[in-house]
N, C-alpha and C. Protein backbone atom coordinates (compact mmCIF):
# COMPACT_ATOMS: atom_id res chain seq x y z
N UNK A 1 18.52 -36.82 47.37
CA UNK A 1 18.60 -38.17 47.92
C UNK A 1 17.87 -38.08 49.26
N UNK A 2 17.11 -39.10 49.50
CA UNK A 2 16.45 -39.21 50.79
C UNK A 2 17.34 -39.76 51.83
N UNK A 3 16.93 -39.78 53.03
CA UNK A 3 17.81 -40.28 54.19
C UNK A 3 17.88 -41.83 54.09
N UNK A 4 17.12 -42.45 53.29
CA UNK A 4 17.18 -43.99 53.05
C UNK A 4 18.08 -44.19 51.86
N UNK A 5 18.64 -43.21 51.22
CA UNK A 5 19.50 -43.43 50.07
C UNK A 5 18.77 -43.59 48.69
N UNK A 6 17.45 -43.47 48.71
CA UNK A 6 16.65 -43.52 47.54
C UNK A 6 16.78 -42.20 46.75
N UNK A 7 16.92 -42.25 45.46
CA UNK A 7 16.95 -40.96 44.68
C UNK A 7 15.61 -40.23 44.80
N UNK A 8 15.61 -38.97 44.89
CA UNK A 8 14.44 -38.10 44.95
C UNK A 8 14.20 -37.37 43.71
N UNK A 9 13.05 -37.52 43.17
CA UNK A 9 12.70 -36.71 41.98
C UNK A 9 11.92 -35.51 42.32
N UNK A 10 12.51 -34.34 41.99
CA UNK A 10 11.76 -33.10 42.36
C UNK A 10 11.53 -32.42 40.99
N UNK A 11 10.31 -31.92 40.82
CA UNK A 11 9.95 -31.13 39.64
C UNK A 11 9.98 -29.60 40.16
N UNK A 12 11.17 -29.12 40.29
CA UNK A 12 11.30 -27.77 40.86
C UNK A 12 10.53 -26.73 40.21
N UNK A 13 9.77 -26.00 40.88
CA UNK A 13 8.98 -24.87 40.37
C UNK A 13 7.72 -25.25 39.70
N UNK A 14 7.49 -26.53 39.58
CA UNK A 14 6.22 -27.05 38.90
C UNK A 14 5.22 -27.50 40.07
N UNK A 15 4.09 -27.03 40.09
CA UNK A 15 3.18 -27.50 41.14
C UNK A 15 2.08 -28.35 40.49
N UNK A 16 1.76 -29.35 41.12
CA UNK A 16 0.75 -30.35 40.65
C UNK A 16 -0.63 -29.73 40.25
N UNK A 17 -1.27 -30.32 39.43
CA UNK A 17 -2.63 -29.97 39.01
C UNK A 17 -3.68 -29.97 40.15
N UNK A 18 -3.24 -30.60 41.27
CA UNK A 18 -4.16 -30.62 42.40
C UNK A 18 -4.26 -29.29 43.18
N UNK A 19 -3.33 -28.33 42.81
CA UNK A 19 -3.35 -27.07 43.45
C UNK A 19 -4.42 -26.25 42.66
N UNK A 20 -5.34 -25.66 43.42
CA UNK A 20 -6.36 -24.84 42.75
C UNK A 20 -5.81 -23.52 42.11
N UNK A 21 -6.25 -23.24 40.94
CA UNK A 21 -5.89 -21.95 40.32
C UNK A 21 -4.39 -21.74 40.25
N UNK A 22 -3.99 -20.49 40.53
CA UNK A 22 -2.62 -20.14 40.52
C UNK A 22 -2.03 -19.90 41.89
N UNK A 23 -2.43 -20.80 42.85
CA UNK A 23 -1.96 -20.74 44.21
C UNK A 23 -0.38 -20.81 44.27
N UNK A 24 0.15 -19.98 45.16
CA UNK A 24 1.58 -20.01 45.44
C UNK A 24 1.92 -20.42 46.80
N UNK A 25 0.96 -20.47 47.76
CA UNK A 25 1.18 -20.73 49.14
C UNK A 25 0.17 -21.82 49.61
N UNK A 26 0.59 -22.49 50.73
CA UNK A 26 -0.19 -23.58 51.24
C UNK A 26 -0.01 -23.53 52.81
N UNK A 27 -1.09 -24.00 53.47
CA UNK A 27 -0.96 -24.15 54.90
C UNK A 27 -1.81 -25.34 55.31
N UNK A 28 -1.31 -26.04 56.35
CA UNK A 28 -2.07 -27.21 56.89
C UNK A 28 -3.19 -26.62 57.78
N UNK A 29 -4.40 -27.11 57.61
CA UNK A 29 -5.45 -26.66 58.46
C UNK A 29 -5.94 -27.58 59.48
N UNK A 30 -5.50 -28.87 59.37
CA UNK A 30 -5.72 -29.84 60.45
C UNK A 30 -4.79 -29.58 61.62
N UNK A 31 -5.25 -29.69 62.85
CA UNK A 31 -4.42 -29.36 64.01
C UNK A 31 -3.06 -30.19 64.13
N UNK A 32 -3.09 -31.39 63.64
CA UNK A 32 -1.95 -32.30 63.72
C UNK A 32 -1.02 -32.08 62.70
N UNK A 33 -1.29 -31.26 61.76
CA UNK A 33 -0.30 -30.99 60.59
C UNK A 33 1.03 -30.26 61.09
N UNK A 34 2.17 -30.49 60.43
CA UNK A 34 3.34 -29.82 60.80
C UNK A 34 3.18 -28.38 60.57
N UNK A 35 3.37 -27.62 61.62
CA UNK A 35 3.31 -26.12 61.52
C UNK A 35 1.89 -25.63 61.07
N UNK A 36 0.93 -26.41 61.56
CA UNK A 36 -0.49 -26.09 61.23
C UNK A 36 -0.84 -24.58 61.31
N UNK A 37 -1.41 -24.02 60.32
CA UNK A 37 -1.89 -22.61 60.31
C UNK A 37 -0.87 -21.64 59.73
N UNK A 38 0.36 -22.13 59.59
CA UNK A 38 1.49 -21.27 59.05
C UNK A 38 1.52 -21.38 57.51
N UNK A 39 1.65 -20.28 56.82
CA UNK A 39 1.74 -20.27 55.44
C UNK A 39 3.22 -20.61 54.92
N UNK A 40 3.25 -21.37 53.92
CA UNK A 40 4.53 -21.83 53.28
C UNK A 40 4.43 -21.67 51.80
N UNK A 41 5.57 -21.35 51.07
CA UNK A 41 5.55 -21.24 49.64
C UNK A 41 5.66 -22.53 48.99
N UNK A 42 4.86 -22.79 47.97
CA UNK A 42 4.91 -23.98 47.19
C UNK A 42 6.12 -23.87 46.26
N UNK A 43 7.03 -24.78 46.41
CA UNK A 43 8.26 -24.74 45.59
C UNK A 43 8.20 -25.69 44.33
N UNK A 44 7.31 -26.64 44.47
CA UNK A 44 7.17 -27.63 43.43
C UNK A 44 6.64 -28.87 43.97
N UNK A 45 6.75 -29.95 43.20
CA UNK A 45 6.31 -31.27 43.59
C UNK A 45 7.46 -32.20 43.58
N UNK A 46 7.40 -33.35 44.33
CA UNK A 46 8.40 -34.34 44.38
C UNK A 46 7.70 -35.69 44.54
N UNK A 47 8.43 -36.74 44.00
CA UNK A 47 7.94 -38.12 44.17
C UNK A 47 8.90 -38.81 45.19
N UNK A 48 8.35 -39.08 46.38
CA UNK A 48 9.15 -39.68 47.36
C UNK A 48 9.11 -41.14 47.27
N UNK A 49 10.30 -41.74 47.12
CA UNK A 49 10.27 -43.25 46.91
C UNK A 49 10.16 -44.04 48.20
N UNK A 50 10.11 -45.35 48.06
CA UNK A 50 10.15 -46.15 49.23
C UNK A 50 8.96 -46.58 49.85
N UNK A 51 7.79 -46.30 49.37
CA UNK A 51 6.51 -46.71 49.82
C UNK A 51 5.96 -47.87 49.26
N UNK A 52 5.27 -48.73 49.97
CA UNK A 52 4.83 -50.10 49.32
C UNK A 52 3.91 -49.84 48.17
N UNK A 53 3.16 -48.74 48.15
CA UNK A 53 2.29 -48.52 47.00
C UNK A 53 2.97 -47.75 45.84
N UNK A 54 4.27 -47.55 46.01
CA UNK A 54 5.07 -46.83 44.93
C UNK A 54 5.40 -45.36 45.41
N UNK A 55 5.96 -44.67 44.52
CA UNK A 55 6.32 -43.25 44.78
C UNK A 55 5.21 -42.50 45.29
N UNK A 56 5.40 -41.60 46.32
CA UNK A 56 4.32 -40.81 46.87
C UNK A 56 4.45 -39.33 46.37
N UNK A 57 3.46 -38.94 45.67
CA UNK A 57 3.50 -37.47 45.18
C UNK A 57 3.36 -36.53 46.37
N UNK A 58 4.27 -35.51 46.41
CA UNK A 58 4.26 -34.60 47.62
C UNK A 58 4.47 -33.19 47.10
N UNK A 59 3.98 -32.27 47.82
CA UNK A 59 4.27 -30.89 47.65
C UNK A 59 5.66 -30.57 48.28
N UNK A 60 6.54 -29.88 47.62
CA UNK A 60 7.76 -29.43 48.21
C UNK A 60 7.43 -28.03 48.71
N UNK A 61 7.56 -27.73 49.96
CA UNK A 61 7.18 -26.42 50.53
C UNK A 61 8.35 -25.84 51.27
N UNK A 62 8.29 -24.51 51.39
CA UNK A 62 9.31 -23.79 52.24
C UNK A 62 8.62 -22.70 53.04
N UNK A 63 8.94 -22.75 54.31
CA UNK A 63 8.45 -21.67 55.20
C UNK A 63 9.35 -20.46 55.15
N UNK A 64 8.82 -19.28 55.57
CA UNK A 64 9.59 -18.06 55.50
C UNK A 64 10.93 -18.13 56.31
N UNK A 65 11.08 -19.02 57.26
CA UNK A 65 12.29 -19.15 58.00
C UNK A 65 13.26 -20.08 57.31
N UNK A 66 12.94 -20.59 56.14
CA UNK A 66 13.85 -21.41 55.31
C UNK A 66 13.64 -22.94 55.57
N UNK A 67 12.82 -23.33 56.58
CA UNK A 67 12.53 -24.74 56.75
C UNK A 67 11.74 -25.29 55.61
N UNK A 68 12.20 -26.42 55.07
CA UNK A 68 11.49 -27.15 54.00
C UNK A 68 10.88 -28.40 54.43
N UNK A 69 9.89 -28.92 53.73
CA UNK A 69 9.15 -30.09 54.06
C UNK A 69 8.48 -30.67 52.91
N UNK A 70 8.05 -31.88 52.93
CA UNK A 70 7.27 -32.50 51.86
C UNK A 70 5.96 -32.93 52.47
N UNK A 71 4.82 -32.34 51.80
CA UNK A 71 3.48 -32.69 52.32
C UNK A 71 2.82 -33.60 51.19
N UNK A 72 2.21 -34.73 51.63
CA UNK A 72 1.56 -35.58 50.62
C UNK A 72 0.51 -34.84 49.86
N UNK A 73 0.38 -34.99 48.61
CA UNK A 73 -0.69 -34.47 47.78
C UNK A 73 -2.02 -35.01 48.20
N UNK A 74 -2.04 -36.35 48.34
CA UNK A 74 -3.31 -37.05 48.76
C UNK A 74 -3.51 -36.80 50.27
N UNK A 75 -4.69 -36.79 50.63
CA UNK A 75 -5.05 -36.65 52.08
C UNK A 75 -5.69 -35.34 52.41
N UNK A 76 -5.31 -34.26 51.73
CA UNK A 76 -5.93 -33.09 51.85
C UNK A 76 -5.62 -32.31 53.24
N UNK A 77 -6.51 -31.55 53.67
CA UNK A 77 -6.25 -30.80 54.97
C UNK A 77 -5.47 -29.57 54.70
N UNK A 78 -5.44 -29.02 53.51
CA UNK A 78 -4.65 -27.92 53.14
C UNK A 78 -5.59 -26.68 52.61
N UNK A 79 -5.05 -25.52 52.84
CA UNK A 79 -5.69 -24.33 52.33
C UNK A 79 -4.66 -23.66 51.43
N UNK A 80 -5.06 -23.23 50.19
CA UNK A 80 -4.19 -22.65 49.24
C UNK A 80 -4.53 -21.17 49.02
N UNK A 81 -3.51 -20.40 48.54
CA UNK A 81 -3.83 -18.94 48.22
C UNK A 81 -2.74 -18.46 47.30
N UNK A 82 -2.97 -17.41 46.63
CA UNK A 82 -1.98 -16.76 45.76
C UNK A 82 -1.44 -15.63 46.59
N UNK A 83 -0.02 -15.67 46.81
CA UNK A 83 0.60 -14.72 47.56
C UNK A 83 0.46 -14.80 48.99
N UNK A 84 1.34 -14.15 49.81
CA UNK A 84 1.23 -14.28 51.24
C UNK A 84 0.02 -13.38 51.75
N UNK A 85 -0.62 -13.74 52.81
CA UNK A 85 -1.68 -13.06 53.38
C UNK A 85 -1.13 -11.75 53.97
N UNK A 86 -1.96 -10.69 54.01
CA UNK A 86 -1.63 -9.43 54.53
C UNK A 86 -1.51 -9.48 55.99
């Protein structure tokens, strides 16, 4: 459930076709991105309700410290990779 009371649909463990190859991790590369430059695990995708244009497809991500977030699929500014960097 979102903080506005709308139901949240999460496809746990399924990552959108917009993710290249078999990527398991994502990071924001634009400087204004939340925790830009930090790698996070892709946990799945979600459809966030309540937007004028309809549900917004997002990546459900989790940082190593357990913080989770939703990043819009559209808009880009992400780098993807399989596994955590060494």
